[in-house]
PDB file of N, CA and C in Angstrom:
ATOM      1  N   MET A   1     -30.644  -2.929 -35.523  1.00  0.00           N
ATOM      2  CA  MET A   1     -29.495  -2.593 -34.715  1.00  0.00           C
ATOM      3  C   MET A   1     -28.210  -2.662 -35.533  1.00  0.00           C
ATOM      4  N   VAL A   2     -28.105  -3.649 -36.414  1.00  0.00           N
ATOM      5  CA  VAL A   2     -26.905  -3.772 -37.229  1.00  0.00           C
ATOM      6  C   VAL A   2     -26.685  -2.509 -38.045  1.00  0.00           C
ATOM      7  N   ASP A   3     -27.734  -1.983 -38.660  1.00  0.00           N
ATOM      8  CA  ASP A   3     -27.610  -0.757 -39.457  1.00  0.00           C
ATOM      9  C   ASP A   3     -27.123   0.411 -38.609  1.00  0.00           C
ATOM     10  N   ASP A   4     -27.579   0.463 -37.354  1.00  0.00           N
ATOM     11  CA  ASP A   4     -27.165   1.542 -36.461  1.00  0.00           C
ATOM     12  C   ASP A   4     -25.669   1.486 -36.158  1.00  0.00           C
ATOM     13  N   LEU A   5     -25.098   0.290 -36.158  1.00  0.00           N
ATOM     14  CA  LEU A   5     -23.693   0.129 -35.796  1.00  0.00           C
ATOM     15  C   LEU A   5     -22.739   0.138 -36.982  1.00  0.00           C
ATOM     16  N   GLU A   6     -23.258   0.145 -38.198  1.00  0.00           N
ATOM     17  CA  GLU A   6     -22.396   0.125 -39.373  1.00  0.00           C
ATOM     18  C   GLU A   6     -21.424   1.312 -39.421  1.00  0.00           C
ATOM     19  N   PRO A   7     -21.861   2.546 -39.131  1.00  0.00           N
ATOM     20  CA  PRO A   7     -20.891   3.654 -39.129  1.00  0.00           C
ATOM     21  C   PRO A   7     -19.779   3.453 -38.090  1.00  0.00           C
ATOM     22  N   PHE A   8     -20.146   2.916 -36.929  1.00  0.00           N
ATOM     23  CA  PHE A   8     -19.153   2.624 -35.891  1.00  0.00           C
ATOM     24  C   PHE A   8     -18.171   1.568 -36.385  1.00  0.00           C
ATOM     25  N   ALA A   9     -18.694   0.496 -36.992  1.00  0.00           N
ATOM     26  CA  ALA A   9     -17.848  -0.582 -37.500  1.00  0.00           C
ATOM     27  C   ALA A   9     -16.903  -0.073 -38.583  1.00  0.00           C
ATOM     28  N   LYS A  10     -17.411   0.784 -39.460  1.00  0.00           N
ATOM     29  CA  LYS A  10     -16.576   1.339 -40.522  1.00  0.00           C
ATOM     30  C   LYS A  10     -15.450   2.182 -39.941  1.00  0.00           C
ATOM     31  N   ALA A  11     -15.779   3.057 -38.997  1.00  0.00           N
ATOM     32  CA  ALA A  11     -14.759   3.916 -38.381  1.00  0.00           C
ATOM     33  C   ALA A  11     -13.739   3.086 -37.600  1.00  0.00           C
ATOM     34  N   LEU A  12     -14.206   2.087 -36.876  1.00  0.00           N
ATOM     35  CA  LEU A  12     -13.296   1.229 -36.113  1.00  0.00           C
ATOM     36  C   LEU A  12     -12.394   0.446 -37.051  1.00  0.00           C
ATOM     37  N   GLY A  13     -12.963  -0.074 -38.134  1.00  0.00           N
ATOM     38  CA  GLY A  13     -12.178  -0.817 -39.111  1.00  0.00           C
ATOM     39  C   GLY A  13     -11.102   0.042 -39.756  1.00  0.00           C
ATOM     40  N   GLU A  14     -11.442   1.287 -40.067  1.00  0.00           N
ATOM     41  CA  GLU A  14     -10.462   2.200 -40.648  1.00  0.00           C
ATOM     42  C   GLU A  14      -9.341   2.486 -39.661  1.00  0.00           C
ATOM     43  N   LYS A  15      -9.707   2.668 -38.408  1.00  0.00           N
ATOM     44  CA  LYS A  15      -8.703   2.955 -37.375  1.00  0.00           C
ATOM     45  C   LYS A  15      -7.793   1.752 -37.136  1.00  0.00           C
ATOM     46  N   LEU A  16      -8.375   0.545 -37.148  1.00  0.00           N
ATOM     47  CA  LEU A  16      -7.602  -0.677 -36.902  1.00  0.00           C
ATOM     48  C   LEU A  16      -6.893  -1.198 -38.152  1.00  0.00           C
ATOM     49  N   GLY A  17      -7.341  -0.732 -39.318  1.00  0.00           N
ATOM     50  CA  GLY A  17      -6.768  -1.212 -40.563  1.00  0.00           C
ATOM     51  C   GLY A  17      -7.203  -2.626 -40.906  1.00  0.00           C
ATOM     52  N   MET A  18      -8.424  -2.970 -40.517  1.00  0.00           N
ATOM     53  CA  MET A  18      -8.953  -4.296 -40.809  1.00  0.00           C
ATOM     54  C   MET A  18     -10.471  -4.244 -40.930  1.00  0.00           C
ATOM     55  N   LYS A  19     -11.059  -5.270 -41.508  1.00  0.00           N
ATOM     56  CA  LYS A  19     -12.504  -5.315 -41.659  1.00  0.00           C
ATOM     57  C   LYS A  19     -13.155  -5.636 -40.308  1.00  0.00           C
ATOM     58  N   VAL A  20     -14.188  -4.892 -39.987  1.00  0.00           N
ATOM     59  CA  VAL A  20     -14.965  -5.123 -38.771  1.00  0.00           C
ATOM     60  C   VAL A  20     -16.377  -5.498 -39.193  1.00  0.00           C
ATOM     61  N   GLU A  21     -16.829  -6.652 -38.750  1.00  0.00           N
ATOM     62  CA  GLU A  21     -18.166  -7.124 -39.088  1.00  0.00           C
ATOM     63  C   GLU A  21     -19.100  -6.952 -37.895  1.00  0.00           C
ATOM     64  N   VAL A  22     -20.322  -6.520 -38.175  1.00  0.00           N
ATOM     65  CA  VAL A  22     -21.336  -6.336 -37.146  1.00  0.00           C
ATOM     66  C   VAL A  22     -22.417  -7.389 -37.351  1.00  0.00           C
ATOM     67  N   PHE A  23     -22.844  -8.003 -36.265  1.00  0.00           N
ATOM     68  CA  PHE A  23     -23.973  -8.924 -36.339  1.00  0.00           C
ATOM     69  C   PHE A  23     -24.739  -8.868 -35.036  1.00  0.00           C
ATOM     70  N   THR A  24     -25.977  -9.292 -35.095  1.00  0.00           N
ATOM     71  CA  THR A  24     -26.814  -9.346 -33.902  1.00  0.00           C
ATOM     72  C   THR A  24     -26.973 -10.809 -33.503  1.00  0.00           C
ATOM     73  N   ALA A  25     -26.567 -11.132 -32.303  1.00  0.00           N
ATOM     74  CA  ALA A  25     -26.706 -12.492 -31.784  1.00  0.00           C
ATOM     75  C   ALA A  25     -28.149 -12.721 -31.358  1.00  0.00           C
ATOM     76  N   SER A  26     -28.535 -13.981 -31.302  1.00  0.00           N
ATOM     77  CA  SER A  26     -29.907 -14.304 -30.900  1.00  0.00           C
ATOM     78  C   SER A  26     -30.117 -14.110 -29.401  1.00  0.00           C
ATOM     79  N   SER A  27     -29.022 -14.060 -28.634  1.00  0.00           N
ATOM     80  CA  SER A  27     -29.123 -13.844 -27.195  1.00  0.00           C
ATOM     81  C   SER A  27     -27.791 -13.310 -26.671  1.00  0.00           C
ATOM     82  N   TYR A  28     -27.827 -12.746 -25.489  1.00  0.00           N
ATOM     83  CA  TYR A  28     -26.587 -12.286 -24.866  1.00  0.00           C
ATOM     84  C   TYR A  28     -25.684 -13.461 -24.547  1.00  0.00           C
ATOM     85  N   ILE A  29     -26.266 -14.612 -24.243  1.00  0.00           N
ATOM     86  CA  ILE A  29     -25.475 -15.816 -23.983  1.00  0.00           C
ATOM     87  C   ILE A  29     -24.640 -16.155 -25.216  1.00  0.00           C
ATOM     88  N   GLY A  30     -25.224 -15.975 -26.409  1.00  0.00           N
ATOM     89  CA  GLY A  30     -24.481 -16.206 -27.639  1.00  0.00           C
ATOM     90  C   GLY A  30     -23.267 -15.308 -27.749  1.00  0.00           C
ATOM     91  N   VAL A  31     -23.399 -14.069 -27.346  1.00  0.00           N
ATOM     92  CA  VAL A  31     -22.276 -13.130 -27.360  1.00  0.00           C
ATOM     93  C   VAL A  31     -21.211 -13.597 -26.371  1.00  0.00           C
ATOM     94  N   ILE A  32     -21.631 -13.965 -25.174  1.00  0.00           N
ATOM     95  CA  ILE A  32     -20.702 -14.417 -24.136  1.00  0.00           C
ATOM     96  C   ILE A  32     -19.960 -15.673 -24.588  1.00  0.00           C
ATOM     97  N   GLU A  33     -20.689 -16.631 -25.151  1.00  0.00           N
ATOM     98  CA  GLU A  33     -20.054 -17.856 -25.634  1.00  0.00           C
ATOM     99  C   GLU A  33     -19.096 -17.561 -26.788  1.00  0.00           C
ATOM    100  N   GLY A  34     -19.487 -16.631 -27.666  1.00  0.00           N
ATOM    101  CA  GLY A  34     -18.609 -16.249 -28.771  1.00  0.00           C
ATOM    102  C   GLY A  34     -17.318 -15.621 -28.287  1.00  0.00           C
ATOM    103  N   ILE A  35     -17.404 -14.785 -27.269  1.00  0.00           N
ATOM    104  CA  ILE A  35     -16.203 -14.181 -26.688  1.00  0.00           C
ATOM    105  C   ILE A  35     -15.328 -15.266 -26.076  1.00  0.00           C
ATOM    106  N   GLY A  36     -15.960 -16.182 -25.350  1.00  0.00           N
ATOM    107  CA  GLY A  36     -15.214 -17.267 -24.702  1.00  0.00           C
ATOM    108  C   GLY A  36     -14.509 -18.174 -25.698  1.00  0.00           C
ATOM    109  N   SER A  37     -15.133 -18.394 -26.866  1.00  0.00           N
ATOM    110  CA  SER A  37     -14.542 -19.292 -27.870  1.00  0.00           C
ATOM    111  C   SER A  37     -13.549 -18.578 -28.781  1.00  0.00           C
ATOM    112  N   GLY A  38     -13.549 -17.254 -28.737  1.00  0.00           N
ATOM    113  CA  GLY A  38     -12.648 -16.493 -29.584  1.00  0.00           C
ATOM    114  C   GLY A  38     -13.236 -16.106 -30.930  1.00  0.00           C
ATOM    115  N   SER A  39     -14.496 -16.477 -31.181  1.00  0.00           N
ATOM    116  CA  SER A  39     -15.112 -16.115 -32.460  1.00  0.00           C
ATOM    117  C   SER A  39     -15.704 -14.707 -32.436  1.00  0.00           C
ATOM    118  N   VAL A  40     -15.816 -14.113 -31.268  1.00  0.00           N
ATOM    119  CA  VAL A  40     -16.294 -12.738 -31.101  1.00  0.00           C
ATOM    120  C   VAL A  40     -15.227 -11.979 -30.316  1.00  0.00           C
ATOM    121  N   ASP A  41     -14.843 -10.819 -30.818  1.00  0.00           N
ATOM    122  CA  ASP A  41     -13.816 -10.019 -30.152  1.00  0.00           C
ATOM    123  C   ASP A  41     -14.384  -8.882 -29.319  1.00  0.00           C
ATOM    124  N   PHE A  42     -15.612  -8.493 -29.613  1.00  0.00           N
ATOM    125  CA  PHE A  42     -16.175  -7.292 -28.995  1.00  0.00           C
ATOM    126  C   PHE A  42     -17.680  -7.456 -28.928  1.00  0.00           C
ATOM    127  N   GLY A  43     -18.269  -7.137 -27.806  1.00  0.00           N
ATOM    128  CA  GLY A  43     -19.718  -7.246 -27.691  1.00  0.00           C
ATOM    129  C   GLY A  43     -20.308  -6.140 -26.847  1.00  0.00           C
ATOM    130  N   LEU A  44     -21.520  -5.756 -27.195  1.00  0.00           N
ATOM    131  CA  LEU A  44     -22.266  -4.780 -26.404  1.00  0.00           C
ATOM    132  C   LEU A  44     -23.352  -5.536 -25.654  1.00  0.00           C
ATOM    133  N   VAL A  45     -23.235  -5.558 -24.349  1.00  0.00           N
ATOM    134  CA  VAL A  45     -24.196  -6.288 -23.521  1.00  0.00           C
ATOM    135  C   VAL A  45     -24.575  -5.435 -22.314  1.00  0.00           C
ATOM    136  N   PRO A  46     -25.745  -5.686 -21.731  1.00  0.00           N
ATOM    137  CA  PRO A  46     -26.144  -4.934 -20.536  1.00  0.00           C
ATOM    138  C   PRO A  46     -25.309  -5.359 -19.318  1.00  0.00           C
ATOM    139  N   PRO A  47     -25.391  -4.602 -18.235  1.00  0.00           N
ATOM    140  CA  PRO A  47     -24.531  -4.846 -17.074  1.00  0.00           C
ATOM    141  C   PRO A  47     -24.551  -6.282 -16.530  1.00  0.00           C
ATOM    142  N   PHE A  48     -25.722  -6.865 -16.343  1.00  0.00           N
ATOM    143  CA  PHE A  48     -25.763  -8.219 -15.778  1.00  0.00           C
ATOM    144  C   PHE A  48     -25.058  -9.204 -16.696  1.00  0.00           C
ATOM    145  N   SER A  49     -25.277  -9.088 -17.991  1.00  0.00           N
ATOM    146  CA  SER A  49     -24.617  -9.987 -18.945  1.00  0.00           C
ATOM    147  C   SER A  49     -23.110  -9.766 -18.956  1.00  0.00           C
ATOM    148  N   ALA A  50     -22.674  -8.536 -18.746  1.00  0.00           N
ATOM    149  CA  ALA A  50     -21.245  -8.249 -18.684  1.00  0.00           C
ATOM    150  C   ALA A  50     -20.615  -8.936 -17.476  1.00  0.00           C
ATOM    151  N   VAL A  51     -21.293  -8.915 -16.345  1.00  0.00           N
ATOM    152  CA  VAL A  51     -20.791  -9.594 -15.146  1.00  0.00           C
ATOM    153  C   VAL A  51     -20.744 -11.097 -15.382  1.00  0.00           C
ATOM    154  N   LEU A  52     -21.795 -11.635 -15.951  1.00  0.00           N
ATOM    155  CA  LEU A  52     -21.850 -13.061 -16.267  1.00  0.00           C
ATOM    156  C   LEU A  52     -20.729 -13.432 -17.238  1.00  0.00           C
ATOM    157  N   SER A  53     -20.508 -12.602 -18.231  1.00  0.00           N
ATOM    158  CA  SER A  53     -19.454 -12.847 -19.211  1.00  0.00           C
ATOM    159  C   SER A  53     -18.089 -12.879 -18.541  1.00  0.00           C
ATOM    160  N   ASN A  54     -17.857 -11.959 -17.640  1.00  0.00           N
ATOM    161  CA  ASN A  54     -16.579 -11.913 -16.944  1.00  0.00           C
ATOM    162  C   ASN A  54     -16.351 -13.167 -16.122  1.00  0.00           C
ATOM    163  N   LYS A  55     -17.397 -13.671 -15.482  1.00  0.00           N
ATOM    164  CA  LYS A  55     -17.266 -14.868 -14.655  1.00  0.00           C
ATOM    165  C   LYS A  55     -17.103 -16.127 -15.498  1.00  0.00           C
ATOM    166  N   GLN A  56     -17.815 -16.217 -16.628  1.00  0.00           N
ATOM    167  CA  GLN A  56     -17.792 -17.433 -17.438  1.00  0.00           C
ATOM    168  C   GLN A  56     -16.659 -17.467 -18.448  1.00  0.00           C
ATOM    169  N   SER A  57     -16.301 -16.329 -19.019  1.00  0.00           N
ATOM    170  CA  SER A  57     -15.343 -16.311 -20.123  1.00  0.00           C
ATOM    171  C   SER A  57     -14.107 -15.482 -19.826  1.00  0.00           C
ATOM    172  N   ASN A  58     -13.993 -14.980 -18.611  1.00  0.00           N
ATOM    173  CA  ASN A  58     -12.857 -14.154 -18.217  1.00  0.00           C
ATOM    174  C   ASN A  58     -12.672 -12.961 -19.151  1.00  0.00           C
ATOM    175  N   THR A  59     -13.781 -12.337 -19.552  1.00  0.00           N
ATOM    176  CA  THR A  59     -13.710 -11.153 -20.405  1.00  0.00           C
ATOM    177  C   THR A  59     -13.342  -9.942 -19.562  1.00  0.00           C
ATOM    178  N   LYS A  60     -12.973  -8.900 -20.227  1.00  0.00           N
ATOM    179  CA  LYS A  60     -12.620  -7.648 -19.561  1.00  0.00           C
ATOM    180  C   LYS A  60     -13.533  -6.543 -20.052  1.00  0.00           C
ATOM    181  N   LYS A  61     -13.959  -5.697 -19.143  1.00  0.00           N
ATOM    182  CA  LYS A  61     -14.757  -4.524 -19.500  1.00  0.00           C
ATOM    183  C   LYS A  61     -13.800  -3.432 -19.950  1.00  0.00           C
ATOM    184  N   HIS A  62     -13.998  -2.957 -21.170  1.00  0.00           N
ATOM    185  CA  HIS A  62     -13.124  -1.924 -21.695  1.00  0.00           C
ATOM    186  C   HIS A  62     -13.792  -0.561 -21.771  1.00  0.00           C
ATOM    187  N   ILE A  63     -15.094  -0.559 -21.979  1.00  0.00           N
ATOM    188  CA  ILE A  63     -15.813   0.700 -22.119  1.00  0.00           C
ATOM    189  C   ILE A  63     -17.032   0.645 -21.219  1.00  0.00           C
ATOM    190  N   SER A  64     -17.265   1.697 -20.489  1.00  0.00           N
ATOM    191  CA  SER A  64     -18.483   1.766 -19.688  1.00  0.00           C
ATOM    192  C   SER A  64     -18.980   3.210 -19.711  1.00  0.00           C
ATOM    193  N   ARG A  65     -20.257   3.336 -19.472  1.00  0.00           N
ATOM    194  CA  ARG A  65     -20.849   4.663 -19.411  1.00  0.00           C
ATOM    195  C   ARG A  65     -21.784   4.695 -18.211  1.00  0.00           C
ATOM    196  N   ASN A  66     -21.523   5.576 -17.309  1.00  0.00           N
ATOM    197  CA  ASN A  66     -22.374   5.743 -16.144  1.00  0.00           C
ATOM    198  C   ASN A  66     -23.162   7.029 -16.295  1.00  0.00           C
ATOM    199  N   LYS A  67     -24.453   6.944 -16.024  1.00  0.00           N
ATOM    200  CA  LYS A  67     -25.295   8.139 -16.110  1.00  0.00           C
ATOM    201  C   LYS A  67     -25.499   8.721 -14.738  1.00  0.00           C
TER     202      LYS A  67
END
């Protein structure tokens, strides 16, 4: 998955003018906790985890895709 996101990270980093690092967490809870602690700025999680993240870490949904 990390390899799949490297082009996205590179393009985002160029647009933001900063280095963007991609990593795969061992669980969605790890992503949520990272967002809550400030060590993670952006995460891709499924809908239920996004709702949980919003309730636990006061995160905001910025991008969504409905089919």
